[in-house]
Amino acid sequence: MVRTLRVMTVTDVTGRVPQPPEIVGGRYLLGKSVGTGSSGAVYLARDRHTGQRYAVKVRHAEEQEQPVRFIAEAHDMARLRHPRLVPVLDSGNDGDLYWFVMPYYANGSLRDRVKAQGPMPTLVALSWTFEILEGLAVVHKAGLVHRDVKPHNVLLSEPGHAILTDFGLVRHVHGGVPYRTRTDQSMGTPNYRAPEQAVDAANVDHRADIYGVGATLYFLLTSRRPGFLYMVDEDDPAMETIDVALRSFVLRCMAYRPEERFPDARATALEIAGLANFIAAAEGKPGPGMGWMRRFDRGGRVGLWQRFLGWLGL
């Protein structure tokens, strides 16, 4: 079900968070809470007309700016159409209660999977990380910085693909929204945010998301959160559990200085594709990197293919 999005307008900054069961939009019956995002609570909901299940996010009421930020989040998610990004299917407000509707992903998040099963196999972790970067490439091309990339914000679809969600902390690099993050404001999740974001979230660029990608991969491979004070380095005991070929990649993603990280999502994804092929070959398995690269860069630029062939030693 995809409905025309209704325009949400700010009518009351006090807000309220519903206690289920409650119907929003005249049709979505809220059930149990399934999570809390940066800008609202998420409920499992049922469409009273069709019986279909959805996830409905309802805004928090603590800050005055949040109605505007919540509306912007819904609009951003609705316009960024990509298989690796959670779509918004419907949105609106019932008086001072603002909400939007998303698909419900019963498989939970990457955090849920690791908590249940422990560290992920290397190629599985790389596949999910690559898919996160596919989504981020679209986000960055639109002039946005996610600012909250972490295992909690990556859901698993029914076939097991990674889907990036929670755009509540997005930075609009070129403006265009009626709010802005204060200079010198800290924002994001401590164990996964880039160092520069901890001191000045208003001015970070897409490389802050690359840090979050590296921190997420670190968690997938070790089942441990990265250090709170950005002390992941060669001497980190958990690094010994990570494939040797991957260690420098993780460390580069999580470099303290933005200029020492990969320059963008595309470059990071291409590096992962090459590493996946290298590791698969060492395990006697067919390499997935070629297919990943075709999917990511269908333009087939010669330079990128040359780089990939270099990984194969050709």
Foldseek 3Di string as FASTA:
>chain_A
DADDADQADADDLQADADDPQDDPPVFWGFDDWDAAFPFFTWTWTAGNVPRAIWIKTKGDRDDSCRVQLVSVQLVVQQPLDDPQAWHWRYWYADRRITMTITHDAPQAWQLVVCVVPNADDLLLLLQQLLSNLLSLVSQVVQQKAQQEQARNQWGAHPVGHTHGYRSSLMARRVDPGPDADDAQDADYDQLQFAPVNRGGVRDDHNLRVLSNSLQRSLCNHQVDGHDSVLPDDPPDVSLVSPDPLCSVLSCQSSPNDSVSHPPGSLRNSLVSLLVQCLVCVVVVHHRPSVVSNCVRCVVPDVVSVVVSVVSVVD
